[in-house]
N, C-alpha and C. Protein backbone atom coordinates (compact mmCIF):
# COMPACT_ATOMS: atom_id res chain seq x y z
N MET A 1 6.47 42.26 240.29
CA MET A 1 6.59 43.08 239.08
C MET A 1 6.50 42.17 237.85
N SER A 2 5.65 42.53 236.88
CA SER A 2 5.43 41.69 235.70
C SER A 2 6.61 41.79 234.75
N GLY A 3 6.63 40.82 233.82
CA GLY A 3 7.71 40.82 232.83
C GLY A 3 7.68 42.05 231.94
N LYS A 4 6.47 42.55 231.61
CA LYS A 4 6.36 43.74 230.77
C LYS A 4 6.94 44.96 231.48
N SER A 5 6.68 45.07 232.77
CA SER A 5 7.22 46.21 233.53
C SER A 5 8.74 46.16 233.57
N ILE A 6 9.29 44.97 233.77
CA ILE A 6 10.74 44.84 233.78
C ILE A 6 11.32 45.18 232.42
N GLY A 7 10.64 44.73 231.36
CA GLY A 7 11.11 45.03 230.02
C GLY A 7 11.09 46.52 229.73
N ARG A 8 10.02 47.21 230.15
CA ARG A 8 9.96 48.66 229.95
C ARG A 8 11.04 49.38 230.73
N ALA A 9 11.28 48.92 231.95
CA ALA A 9 12.32 49.55 232.77
C ALA A 9 13.69 49.36 232.14
N LEU A 10 13.96 48.17 231.62
CA LEU A 10 15.25 47.92 230.98
C LEU A 10 15.41 48.76 229.72
N ARG A 11 14.34 48.87 228.93
CA ARG A 11 14.41 49.69 227.72
C ARG A 11 14.64 51.15 228.07
N PHE A 12 13.99 51.61 229.14
CA PHE A 12 14.19 52.99 229.57
C PHE A 12 15.64 53.23 229.99
N ILE A 13 16.20 52.31 230.76
CA ILE A 13 17.59 52.47 231.21
C ILE A 13 18.54 52.44 230.02
N LEU A 14 18.32 51.53 229.09
CA LEU A 14 19.18 51.46 227.91
C LEU A 14 19.06 52.72 227.06
N THR A 15 17.85 53.26 226.97
CA THR A 15 17.66 54.51 226.23
C THR A 15 18.42 55.66 226.89
N VAL A 16 18.33 55.72 228.21
CA VAL A 16 19.05 56.76 228.95
C VAL A 16 20.56 56.62 228.75
N LEU A 17 21.06 55.41 228.86
CA LEU A 17 22.49 55.18 228.66
C LEU A 17 22.91 55.54 227.23
N GLY A 18 22.04 55.23 226.27
CA GLY A 18 22.35 55.56 224.89
C GLY A 18 22.43 57.06 224.66
N TRP A 19 21.45 57.80 225.18
CA TRP A 19 21.50 59.26 225.05
C TRP A 19 22.71 59.84 225.76
N GLY A 20 23.01 59.32 226.93
CA GLY A 20 24.18 59.82 227.64
C GLY A 20 25.47 59.55 226.88
N GLY A 21 25.58 58.35 226.29
CA GLY A 21 26.76 58.04 225.50
C GLY A 21 26.90 58.94 224.29
N LEU A 22 25.78 59.22 223.61
CA LEU A 22 25.83 60.08 222.43
C LEU A 22 26.19 61.52 222.80
N TRP A 23 25.51 62.06 223.81
CA TRP A 23 25.81 63.43 224.24
C TRP A 23 27.23 63.52 224.80
N GLY A 24 27.63 62.53 225.60
CA GLY A 24 28.98 62.56 226.15
C GLY A 24 30.04 62.48 225.08
N GLY A 25 29.85 61.61 224.09
CA GLY A 25 30.82 61.51 223.01
C GLY A 25 30.91 62.79 222.19
N ALA A 26 29.75 63.38 221.87
CA ALA A 26 29.74 64.60 221.07
C ALA A 26 30.37 65.77 221.83
N MET A 27 29.95 65.97 223.08
CA MET A 27 30.51 67.07 223.87
C MET A 27 31.98 66.85 224.16
N GLY A 28 32.34 65.63 224.49
CA GLY A 28 33.73 65.36 224.86
C GLY A 28 34.69 65.57 223.72
N LEU A 29 34.38 65.01 222.55
CA LEU A 29 35.30 65.13 221.42
C LEU A 29 35.35 66.55 220.88
N CYS A 30 34.25 67.29 220.99
CA CYS A 30 34.24 68.66 220.47
C CYS A 30 34.80 69.68 221.45
N LEU A 31 34.65 69.44 222.76
CA LEU A 31 35.02 70.45 223.75
C LEU A 31 36.29 70.10 224.53
N PHE A 32 36.44 68.85 224.93
CA PHE A 32 37.49 68.50 225.89
C PHE A 32 38.65 67.69 225.32
N ALA A 33 38.46 67.05 224.18
CA ALA A 33 39.49 66.14 223.67
C ALA A 33 40.83 66.83 223.43
N PRO A 34 40.89 67.99 222.77
CA PRO A 34 42.20 68.62 222.58
C PRO A 34 42.89 68.96 223.89
N ARG A 35 42.13 69.46 224.85
CA ARG A 35 42.72 69.81 226.15
C ARG A 35 43.24 68.57 226.86
N LEU A 36 42.50 67.49 226.78
CA LEU A 36 42.92 66.25 227.44
C LEU A 36 44.22 65.73 226.86
N LEU A 37 44.34 65.74 225.54
CA LEU A 37 45.57 65.26 224.91
C LEU A 37 46.75 66.16 225.25
N GLN A 38 46.53 67.47 225.32
CA GLN A 38 47.61 68.38 225.69
C GLN A 38 48.06 68.16 227.12
N ASP A 39 47.12 68.00 228.03
CA ASP A 39 47.48 67.83 229.44
C ASP A 39 48.24 66.53 229.68
N HIS A 40 47.99 65.54 228.85
CA HIS A 40 48.69 64.26 228.99
C HIS A 40 49.87 64.15 228.02
N HIS A 41 50.20 65.26 227.35
CA HIS A 41 51.36 65.31 226.45
C HIS A 41 51.31 64.20 225.40
N ALA A 42 50.11 63.94 224.90
CA ALA A 42 49.96 62.91 223.87
C ALA A 42 50.21 63.53 222.50
N SER A 43 51.03 62.88 221.70
CA SER A 43 51.37 63.36 220.36
C SER A 43 51.22 62.21 219.38
N PRO A 44 49.99 61.86 219.02
CA PRO A 44 49.80 60.77 218.06
C PRO A 44 50.40 61.13 216.70
N THR A 45 50.97 60.15 216.04
CA THR A 45 51.56 60.34 214.72
C THR A 45 50.94 59.31 213.78
N GLY A 46 50.45 59.78 212.66
CA GLY A 46 49.87 58.86 211.70
C GLY A 46 48.38 58.67 211.90
N GLY A 47 47.73 58.26 210.82
CA GLY A 47 46.29 58.09 210.87
C GLY A 47 45.83 57.02 211.84
N SER A 48 46.57 55.91 211.92
CA SER A 48 46.16 54.83 212.81
C SER A 48 46.23 55.25 214.27
N SER A 49 47.26 56.05 214.62
CA SER A 49 47.39 56.52 216.00
C SER A 49 46.24 57.45 216.36
N TRP A 50 45.91 58.37 215.45
CA TRP A 50 44.80 59.27 215.71
C TRP A 50 43.48 58.51 215.81
N LEU A 51 43.32 57.50 214.97
CA LEU A 51 42.10 56.70 215.02
C LEU A 51 41.98 55.99 216.36
N MET A 52 43.10 55.46 216.86
CA MET A 52 43.07 54.77 218.15
C MET A 52 42.74 55.74 219.28
N PHE A 53 43.38 56.93 219.27
CA PHE A 53 43.11 57.91 220.31
C PHE A 53 41.65 58.37 220.25
N ALA A 54 41.13 58.59 219.05
CA ALA A 54 39.74 59.03 218.93
C ALA A 54 38.78 57.97 219.44
N ALA A 55 39.08 56.70 219.16
CA ALA A 55 38.22 55.61 219.64
C ALA A 55 38.25 55.51 221.16
N VAL A 56 39.45 55.65 221.73
CA VAL A 56 39.57 55.59 223.19
C VAL A 56 38.83 56.76 223.84
N LEU A 57 39.03 57.96 223.30
CA LEU A 57 38.35 59.13 223.86
C LEU A 57 36.84 59.01 223.72
N LEU A 58 36.38 58.49 222.59
CA LEU A 58 34.95 58.30 222.40
C LEU A 58 34.38 57.35 223.45
N GLY A 59 35.12 56.28 223.73
CA GLY A 59 34.67 55.35 224.75
C GLY A 59 34.65 55.96 226.14
N VAL A 60 35.70 56.73 226.46
CA VAL A 60 35.79 57.35 227.78
C VAL A 60 34.68 58.39 227.97
N PHE A 61 34.55 59.29 227.00
CA PHE A 61 33.53 60.33 227.11
C PHE A 61 32.13 59.72 227.07
N GLY A 62 31.94 58.70 226.25
CA GLY A 62 30.64 58.04 226.19
C GLY A 62 30.27 57.38 227.51
N ALA A 63 31.26 56.73 228.14
CA ALA A 63 31.00 56.08 229.43
C ALA A 63 30.67 57.11 230.51
N ILE A 64 31.43 58.21 230.55
CA ILE A 64 31.14 59.27 231.52
C ILE A 64 29.75 59.85 231.27
N GLY A 65 29.43 60.09 229.99
CA GLY A 65 28.11 60.62 229.67
C GLY A 65 26.99 59.68 230.05
N ALA A 66 27.20 58.38 229.84
CA ALA A 66 26.16 57.40 230.18
C ALA A 66 25.91 57.37 231.68
N LEU A 67 26.98 57.41 232.47
CA LEU A 67 26.81 57.40 233.92
C LEU A 67 26.12 58.67 234.41
N CYS A 68 26.54 59.82 233.86
CA CYS A 68 25.90 61.07 234.26
C CYS A 68 24.44 61.13 233.81
N ALA A 69 24.14 60.45 232.70
CA ALA A 69 22.77 60.47 232.19
C ALA A 69 21.81 59.78 233.15
N LEU A 70 22.28 58.81 233.89
CA LEU A 70 21.41 58.16 234.87
C LEU A 70 20.94 59.15 235.92
N LEU A 71 21.85 60.03 236.37
CA LEU A 71 21.45 61.07 237.32
C LEU A 71 20.52 62.08 236.66
N ALA A 72 20.83 62.46 235.42
CA ALA A 72 19.99 63.42 234.72
C ALA A 72 18.59 62.86 234.50
N ALA A 73 18.50 61.58 234.15
CA ALA A 73 17.19 60.98 233.90
C ALA A 73 16.35 60.92 235.17
N SER A 74 17.01 60.72 236.30
CA SER A 74 16.26 60.72 237.56
C SER A 74 15.62 62.08 237.82
N ALA A 75 16.31 63.15 237.43
CA ALA A 75 15.73 64.49 237.57
C ALA A 75 14.56 64.67 236.62
N VAL A 76 14.68 64.15 235.40
CA VAL A 76 13.60 64.25 234.43
C VAL A 76 12.36 63.50 234.91
N VAL A 77 12.55 62.29 235.40
CA VAL A 77 11.43 61.50 235.91
C VAL A 77 10.84 62.16 237.16
N GLY A 78 11.70 62.66 238.04
CA GLY A 78 11.22 63.32 239.24
C GLY A 78 10.37 64.53 238.94
N TRP A 79 10.76 65.30 237.92
CA TRP A 79 9.98 66.48 237.55
C TRP A 79 8.62 66.08 236.98
N GLN A 80 8.58 64.99 236.23
CA GLN A 80 7.30 64.51 235.71
C GLN A 80 6.38 64.08 236.84
N VAL A 81 6.93 63.38 237.83
CA VAL A 81 6.12 62.95 238.97
C VAL A 81 5.64 64.15 239.78
N ALA A 82 6.51 65.15 239.95
CA ALA A 82 6.16 66.31 240.75
C ALA A 82 5.04 67.12 240.12
N ARG A 83 5.05 67.25 238.80
CA ARG A 83 4.00 68.03 238.16
C ARG A 83 2.76 67.22 237.87
N GLY A 84 2.81 65.91 238.03
CA GLY A 84 1.62 65.08 237.96
C GLY A 84 1.06 64.83 236.58
N ARG A 85 1.84 65.01 235.54
CA ARG A 85 1.36 64.70 234.19
C ARG A 85 2.53 64.28 233.31
N VAL A 86 2.20 63.49 232.31
CA VAL A 86 3.23 62.92 231.44
C VAL A 86 3.68 63.97 230.43
N TYR A 87 4.93 63.90 230.04
CA TYR A 87 5.45 64.80 229.01
C TYR A 87 4.71 64.58 227.69
N ARG A 88 4.59 65.63 226.92
CA ARG A 88 3.87 65.55 225.65
C ARG A 88 4.60 64.65 224.66
N ASP A 89 5.90 64.62 224.70
CA ASP A 89 6.68 63.70 223.87
C ASP A 89 7.83 63.19 224.72
N VAL A 90 7.66 62.00 225.26
CA VAL A 90 8.63 61.48 226.21
C VAL A 90 9.99 61.26 225.56
N GLY A 91 9.99 60.76 224.33
CA GLY A 91 11.26 60.47 223.66
C GLY A 91 12.11 61.71 223.46
N TRP A 92 11.52 62.75 222.88
CA TRP A 92 12.27 63.99 222.66
C TRP A 92 12.60 64.69 223.97
N THR A 93 11.69 64.62 224.93
CA THR A 93 11.98 65.23 226.24
C THR A 93 13.21 64.59 226.86
N LEU A 94 13.27 63.28 226.82
CA LEU A 94 14.40 62.58 227.42
C LEU A 94 15.69 62.88 226.68
N GLY A 95 15.65 62.84 225.35
CA GLY A 95 16.86 63.08 224.57
C GLY A 95 17.41 64.48 224.75
N LEU A 96 16.54 65.49 224.74
CA LEU A 96 16.99 66.87 224.87
C LEU A 96 17.31 67.23 226.31
N ALA A 97 16.52 66.73 227.26
CA ALA A 97 16.76 67.06 228.66
C ALA A 97 18.08 66.48 229.15
N ILE A 98 18.43 65.28 228.70
CA ILE A 98 19.72 64.71 229.10
C ILE A 98 20.85 65.58 228.58
N GLY A 99 20.71 66.09 227.36
CA GLY A 99 21.73 67.00 226.84
C GLY A 99 21.86 68.26 227.66
N ALA A 100 20.72 68.79 228.13
CA ALA A 100 20.76 70.01 228.93
C ALA A 100 21.32 69.77 230.33
N LEU A 101 21.00 68.62 230.91
CA LEU A 101 21.41 68.35 232.29
C LEU A 101 22.78 67.69 232.39
N LEU A 102 23.29 67.17 231.29
CA LEU A 102 24.56 66.45 231.35
C LEU A 102 25.72 67.32 231.85
N PRO A 103 25.88 68.57 231.39
CA PRO A 103 26.97 69.39 231.94
C PRO A 103 26.85 69.61 233.44
N LEU A 104 25.63 69.80 233.94
CA LEU A 104 25.46 70.03 235.38
C LEU A 104 25.80 68.78 236.18
N THR A 105 25.33 67.63 235.73
CA THR A 105 25.64 66.40 236.45
C THR A 105 27.13 66.07 236.35
N TYR A 106 27.73 66.38 235.22
CA TYR A 106 29.17 66.16 235.07
C TYR A 106 29.96 67.01 236.06
N LEU A 107 29.61 68.30 236.15
CA LEU A 107 30.31 69.18 237.08
C LEU A 107 30.07 68.76 238.53
N ALA A 108 28.85 68.34 238.84
CA ALA A 108 28.56 67.88 240.20
C ALA A 108 29.38 66.64 240.53
N ALA A 109 29.46 65.69 239.58
CA ALA A 109 30.26 64.49 239.81
C ALA A 109 31.74 64.82 239.92
N ALA A 110 32.20 65.75 239.08
CA ALA A 110 33.61 66.15 239.14
C ALA A 110 33.95 66.79 240.47
N ALA A 111 33.06 67.69 240.93
CA ALA A 111 33.30 68.34 242.22
C ALA A 111 33.28 67.32 243.35
N ALA A 112 32.39 66.33 243.26
CA ALA A 112 32.34 65.30 244.30
C ALA A 112 33.61 64.46 244.31
N VAL A 113 34.13 64.13 243.11
CA VAL A 113 35.36 63.34 243.03
C VAL A 113 36.54 64.12 243.62
N GLU A 114 36.66 65.39 243.23
CA GLU A 114 37.76 66.19 243.74
C GLU A 114 37.62 66.44 245.24
N SER A 115 36.41 66.70 245.69
CA SER A 115 36.21 66.95 247.12
C SER A 115 36.50 65.71 247.94
N GLY A 116 36.09 64.55 247.43
CA GLY A 116 36.36 63.32 248.16
C GLY A 116 37.81 62.92 248.14
N THR A 117 38.52 63.28 247.06
CA THR A 117 39.93 62.89 246.93
C THR A 117 40.85 63.87 247.63
N PHE A 118 40.60 65.17 247.43
CA PHE A 118 41.51 66.20 247.95
C PHE A 118 40.91 67.02 249.08
N LYS A 119 39.71 66.65 249.54
CA LYS A 119 39.01 67.34 250.63
C LYS A 119 38.48 68.71 250.22
N HIS A 120 38.72 69.12 249.00
CA HIS A 120 38.12 70.34 248.48
C HIS A 120 38.22 70.29 246.95
N VAL A 121 37.49 71.16 246.29
CA VAL A 121 37.50 71.21 244.83
C VAL A 121 38.72 72.01 244.39
N VAL A 122 39.79 71.31 244.05
CA VAL A 122 41.08 71.96 243.82
C VAL A 122 41.08 72.83 242.57
N SER A 123 40.27 72.51 241.58
CA SER A 123 40.31 73.24 240.32
C SER A 123 39.29 74.38 240.25
N ALA A 124 38.51 74.57 241.32
CA ALA A 124 37.46 75.60 241.28
C ALA A 124 38.05 76.99 241.08
N GLY A 125 39.12 77.30 241.80
CA GLY A 125 39.72 78.61 241.68
C GLY A 125 40.29 78.89 240.31
N ARG A 126 40.86 77.86 239.68
CA ARG A 126 41.49 78.05 238.38
C ARG A 126 40.47 78.27 237.27
N TYR A 127 39.26 77.75 237.46
CA TYR A 127 38.23 77.90 236.44
C TYR A 127 37.24 79.01 236.77
N ALA A 128 37.44 79.70 237.87
CA ALA A 128 36.47 80.73 238.27
C ALA A 128 36.36 81.84 237.23
N SER A 129 37.47 82.21 236.60
CA SER A 129 37.43 83.29 235.62
C SER A 129 36.65 82.91 234.37
N ASP A 130 36.55 81.61 234.09
CA ASP A 130 35.81 81.16 232.91
C ASP A 130 34.33 80.93 233.19
N ALA A 131 33.93 81.05 234.44
CA ALA A 131 32.54 80.74 234.81
C ALA A 131 31.52 81.63 234.10
N PRO A 132 31.68 82.96 234.03
CA PRO A 132 30.66 83.78 233.37
C PRO A 132 30.45 83.39 231.91
N ALA A 133 31.54 83.18 231.18
CA ALA A 133 31.40 82.79 229.77
C ALA A 133 30.76 81.42 229.64
N ALA A 134 31.14 80.49 230.52
CA ALA A 134 30.57 79.15 230.47
C ALA A 134 29.08 79.17 230.77
N ILE A 135 28.68 79.99 231.75
CA ILE A 135 27.26 80.09 232.09
C ILE A 135 26.47 80.68 230.92
N ALA A 136 27.04 81.68 230.26
CA ALA A 136 26.36 82.29 229.12
C ALA A 136 26.19 81.29 227.97
N VAL A 137 27.24 80.55 227.68
CA VAL A 137 27.16 79.54 226.62
C VAL A 137 26.15 78.46 226.98
N TYR A 138 26.15 78.05 228.23
CA TYR A 138 25.21 77.01 228.67
C TYR A 138 23.77 77.52 228.58
N PHE A 139 23.54 78.77 228.92
CA PHE A 139 22.20 79.35 228.82
C PHE A 139 21.72 79.34 227.37
N VAL A 140 22.58 79.77 226.46
CA VAL A 140 22.22 79.77 225.03
C VAL A 140 21.94 78.34 224.56
N PHE A 141 22.76 77.40 225.01
CA PHE A 141 22.58 75.99 224.64
C PHE A 141 21.22 75.48 225.09
N CYS A 142 20.83 75.81 226.32
CA CYS A 142 19.53 75.37 226.83
C CYS A 142 18.38 76.03 226.08
N VAL A 143 18.55 77.30 225.71
CA VAL A 143 17.52 77.98 224.93
C VAL A 143 17.34 77.31 223.58
N VAL A 144 18.44 76.95 222.94
CA VAL A 144 18.37 76.27 221.65
C VAL A 144 17.64 74.93 221.78
N LEU A 145 17.97 74.17 222.82
CA LEU A 145 17.28 72.90 223.04
C LEU A 145 15.79 73.10 223.28
N ARG A 146 15.44 74.15 224.01
CA ARG A 146 14.04 74.45 224.26
C ARG A 146 13.32 74.79 222.96
N LEU A 147 13.96 75.57 222.10
CA LEU A 147 13.36 75.92 220.81
C LEU A 147 13.19 74.70 219.93
N VAL A 148 14.16 73.81 219.97
CA VAL A 148 14.04 72.56 219.20
C VAL A 148 12.85 71.75 219.69
N TYR A 149 12.68 71.69 221.00
CA TYR A 149 11.56 70.92 221.56
C TYR A 149 10.22 71.53 221.16
N ARG A 150 10.12 72.85 221.20
CA ARG A 150 8.88 73.50 220.80
C ARG A 150 8.61 73.29 219.32
N TRP A 151 9.69 73.30 218.52
CA TRP A 151 9.52 73.05 217.09
C TRP A 151 9.02 71.63 216.84
N VAL A 152 9.55 70.67 217.56
CA VAL A 152 9.11 69.28 217.41
C VAL A 152 7.64 69.14 217.79
N LEU A 153 7.24 69.75 218.90
CA LEU A 153 5.85 69.65 219.34
C LEU A 153 4.89 70.34 218.38
N GLY A 154 5.38 71.34 217.67
CA GLY A 154 4.52 72.07 216.74
C GLY A 154 4.32 71.37 215.41
N ARG A 155 5.08 70.33 215.16
CA ARG A 155 4.93 69.61 213.90
C ARG A 155 3.78 68.61 213.98
N GLN A 156 2.99 68.53 212.90
CA GLN A 156 1.93 67.53 212.88
C GLN A 156 2.52 66.12 212.83
N ALA A 157 3.52 65.95 211.98
CA ALA A 157 4.24 64.67 211.92
C ALA A 157 5.60 64.89 212.59
N ARG A 158 5.67 64.52 213.84
CA ARG A 158 6.90 64.76 214.60
C ARG A 158 8.04 63.88 214.09
N PRO A 159 9.22 64.46 213.93
CA PRO A 159 10.35 63.64 213.47
C PRO A 159 10.75 62.63 214.54
N PRO A 160 11.27 61.50 214.14
CA PRO A 160 11.70 60.50 215.14
C PRO A 160 12.93 60.97 215.88
N THR A 161 13.11 60.44 217.08
CA THR A 161 14.29 60.82 217.87
C THR A 161 15.58 60.30 217.27
N THR A 162 15.46 59.39 216.30
CA THR A 162 16.68 58.92 215.64
C THR A 162 17.39 60.06 214.90
N ALA A 163 16.64 61.10 214.52
CA ALA A 163 17.27 62.25 213.87
C ALA A 163 18.25 62.92 214.82
N LEU A 164 17.85 63.07 216.08
CA LEU A 164 18.75 63.64 217.08
C LEU A 164 19.93 62.73 217.33
N ALA A 165 19.68 61.43 217.40
CA ALA A 165 20.76 60.48 217.63
C ALA A 165 21.78 60.51 216.50
N VAL A 166 21.29 60.56 215.26
CA VAL A 166 22.20 60.62 214.12
C VAL A 166 22.99 61.93 214.14
N GLY A 167 22.33 63.03 214.50
CA GLY A 167 23.03 64.31 214.58
C GLY A 167 24.13 64.30 215.62
N LEU A 168 23.88 63.70 216.77
CA LEU A 168 24.90 63.63 217.82
C LEU A 168 26.05 62.73 217.39
N ALA A 169 25.72 61.60 216.75
CA ALA A 169 26.78 60.71 216.26
C ALA A 169 27.63 61.40 215.21
N ALA A 170 26.99 62.17 214.32
CA ALA A 170 27.74 62.90 213.30
C ALA A 170 28.61 63.98 213.93
N THR A 171 28.11 64.62 214.98
CA THR A 171 28.91 65.63 215.68
C THR A 171 30.14 65.02 216.32
N ALA A 172 29.96 63.86 216.96
CA ALA A 172 31.10 63.17 217.56
C ALA A 172 32.11 62.75 216.50
N LEU A 173 31.62 62.26 215.37
CA LEU A 173 32.52 61.86 214.28
C LEU A 173 33.28 63.06 213.73
N ALA A 174 32.57 64.19 213.57
CA ALA A 174 33.24 65.40 213.09
C ALA A 174 34.30 65.86 214.08
N GLY A 175 33.99 65.78 215.38
CA GLY A 175 34.99 66.15 216.38
C GLY A 175 36.22 65.28 216.32
N ALA A 176 36.03 63.99 216.04
CA ALA A 176 37.17 63.08 215.92
C ALA A 176 37.98 63.38 214.67
N VAL A 177 37.30 63.72 213.57
CA VAL A 177 38.00 63.97 212.31
C VAL A 177 38.87 65.22 212.39
N VAL A 178 38.34 66.29 213.00
CA VAL A 178 39.09 67.55 213.05
C VAL A 178 40.00 67.63 214.26
N LEU A 179 40.04 66.59 215.09
CA LEU A 179 40.88 66.64 216.29
C LEU A 179 42.35 66.89 215.97
N PRO A 180 42.95 66.24 214.96
CA PRO A 180 44.36 66.55 214.66
C PRO A 180 44.59 68.01 214.28
N LEU A 181 43.60 68.64 213.64
CA LEU A 181 43.74 70.03 213.22
C LEU A 181 43.66 70.99 214.40
N ARG A 182 43.07 70.57 215.50
CA ARG A 182 42.91 71.43 216.67
C ARG A 182 44.06 71.31 217.65
N MET A 183 44.99 70.42 217.38
CA MET A 183 46.14 70.25 218.26
C MET A 183 47.27 71.16 217.80
N PRO A 184 47.97 71.83 218.74
CA PRO A 184 49.09 72.68 218.35
C PRO A 184 50.24 71.85 217.80
N THR A 185 50.90 72.38 216.79
CA THR A 185 52.05 71.69 216.21
C THR A 185 53.25 71.84 217.12
N PRO A 186 53.85 70.75 217.59
CA PRO A 186 55.01 70.87 218.48
C PRO A 186 56.20 71.48 217.77
N ALA A 187 56.86 72.38 218.47
CA ALA A 187 58.05 73.02 217.90
C ALA A 187 59.21 72.04 217.85
N ARG A 188 59.95 72.10 216.74
CA ARG A 188 61.10 71.22 216.59
C ARG A 188 62.26 71.73 217.43
N SER A 189 62.89 70.83 218.14
CA SER A 189 64.02 71.20 218.98
C SER A 189 65.28 71.29 218.14
N GLU A 190 66.18 72.20 218.51
CA GLU A 190 67.44 72.37 217.79
C GLU A 190 68.43 71.28 218.10
N GLY A 191 68.34 70.67 219.26
CA GLY A 191 69.29 69.63 219.64
C GLY A 191 68.61 68.57 220.47
N PRO A 192 69.30 67.47 220.70
CA PRO A 192 68.67 66.39 221.46
C PRO A 192 68.38 66.74 222.90
N SER A 193 69.07 67.72 223.45
CA SER A 193 68.88 68.07 224.86
C SER A 193 68.09 69.35 225.04
N ALA A 194 67.47 69.85 223.95
CA ALA A 194 66.76 71.12 224.07
C ALA A 194 65.50 70.98 224.92
N THR A 195 64.84 69.85 224.85
CA THR A 195 63.60 69.64 225.60
C THR A 195 63.76 68.42 226.48
N PRO A 196 63.56 68.55 227.79
CA PRO A 196 63.70 67.38 228.66
C PRO A 196 62.62 66.37 228.36
N PRO A 197 62.95 65.06 228.43
CA PRO A 197 61.96 64.03 228.14
C PRO A 197 60.82 64.00 229.12
N VAL A 198 61.06 64.44 230.35
CA VAL A 198 60.02 64.45 231.37
C VAL A 198 59.93 65.85 231.94
N ALA A 199 58.70 66.40 232.02
CA ALA A 199 58.53 67.74 232.55
C ALA A 199 58.88 67.77 234.03
N ARG A 200 59.54 68.84 234.45
CA ARG A 200 59.90 68.97 235.85
C ARG A 200 58.68 69.30 236.69
N SER A 201 58.71 68.80 237.91
CA SER A 201 57.55 68.99 238.79
C SER A 201 57.37 70.43 239.19
N GLY A 202 58.41 71.23 239.11
CA GLY A 202 58.29 72.61 239.54
C GLY A 202 57.75 73.54 238.50
N THR A 203 57.60 73.04 237.25
CA THR A 203 57.10 73.90 236.21
C THR A 203 55.62 74.13 236.38
N THR A 204 55.17 75.28 235.90
CA THR A 204 53.76 75.63 236.03
C THR A 204 53.01 75.13 234.82
N GLY A 205 52.02 74.31 235.03
CA GLY A 205 51.23 73.77 233.93
C GLY A 205 49.82 74.29 233.98
N SER A 206 49.06 73.91 232.98
CA SER A 206 47.67 74.35 232.92
C SER A 206 46.83 73.52 233.87
N ALA A 207 45.69 74.07 234.21
CA ALA A 207 44.82 73.38 235.15
C ALA A 207 44.24 72.13 234.50
N PRO A 208 44.28 71.00 235.19
CA PRO A 208 43.71 69.79 234.61
C PRO A 208 42.20 69.89 234.53
N PRO A 209 41.60 69.42 233.45
CA PRO A 209 40.14 69.48 233.36
C PRO A 209 39.48 68.68 234.48
N LEU A 210 38.32 69.11 234.90
CA LEU A 210 37.58 68.42 235.95
C LEU A 210 37.30 66.98 235.56
N LEU A 211 37.42 66.10 236.51
CA LEU A 211 37.10 64.69 236.36
C LEU A 211 38.05 63.96 235.43
N PHE A 212 39.19 64.56 235.10
CA PHE A 212 40.16 63.88 234.26
C PHE A 212 41.24 63.22 235.08
N VAL A 213 41.14 63.23 236.39
CA VAL A 213 42.14 62.61 237.24
C VAL A 213 42.15 61.11 236.97
N GLY A 214 43.31 60.60 236.62
CA GLY A 214 43.46 59.17 236.38
C GLY A 214 43.21 58.74 234.96
N LEU A 215 42.75 59.66 234.08
CA LEU A 215 42.51 59.27 232.70
C LEU A 215 43.79 59.38 231.89
């Protein structure tokens, strides 16, 4: 394999990881961050604490997104090979397709982790009631991405993919900024013994988000 081929392969992998990190950070901070903090009973106080939590969450969601993007990119490349022709705009195809496939690869990885750890997908039953709404939202999301792709292809001077990257980074930043506003305000206790410092194991809690085991 020549040096140019290795260089192209490395650039492709880095591009995939970059898109996965951007999509993962944007989706994670906007959709899952409040739930994750609630499930772990995190109560940051002060701007520096919120900044630290947002940075940690951005890194975690970005890493998960980057790993899932590798699987998503393999599907994108496989589809190109199967149909026998190159995409009309490889850059935009990769950026938008990773966004569309990231939720599916995330759920598949989450189900595999739970199945391997607990011998079955323990959270499937708890999220079954939310499946119709989630599928509808995902369908609309994919339609929007498809329309964006058609709009890009219809332009004589196609916008650079950096526009999408900047938009995703801005979305992640906005999710981090409004994160304190999306957290419920803890009720003040009347006395020192009103709330136990550690939740009892017998109490009923909310279902942990998929793939959040150990985070």
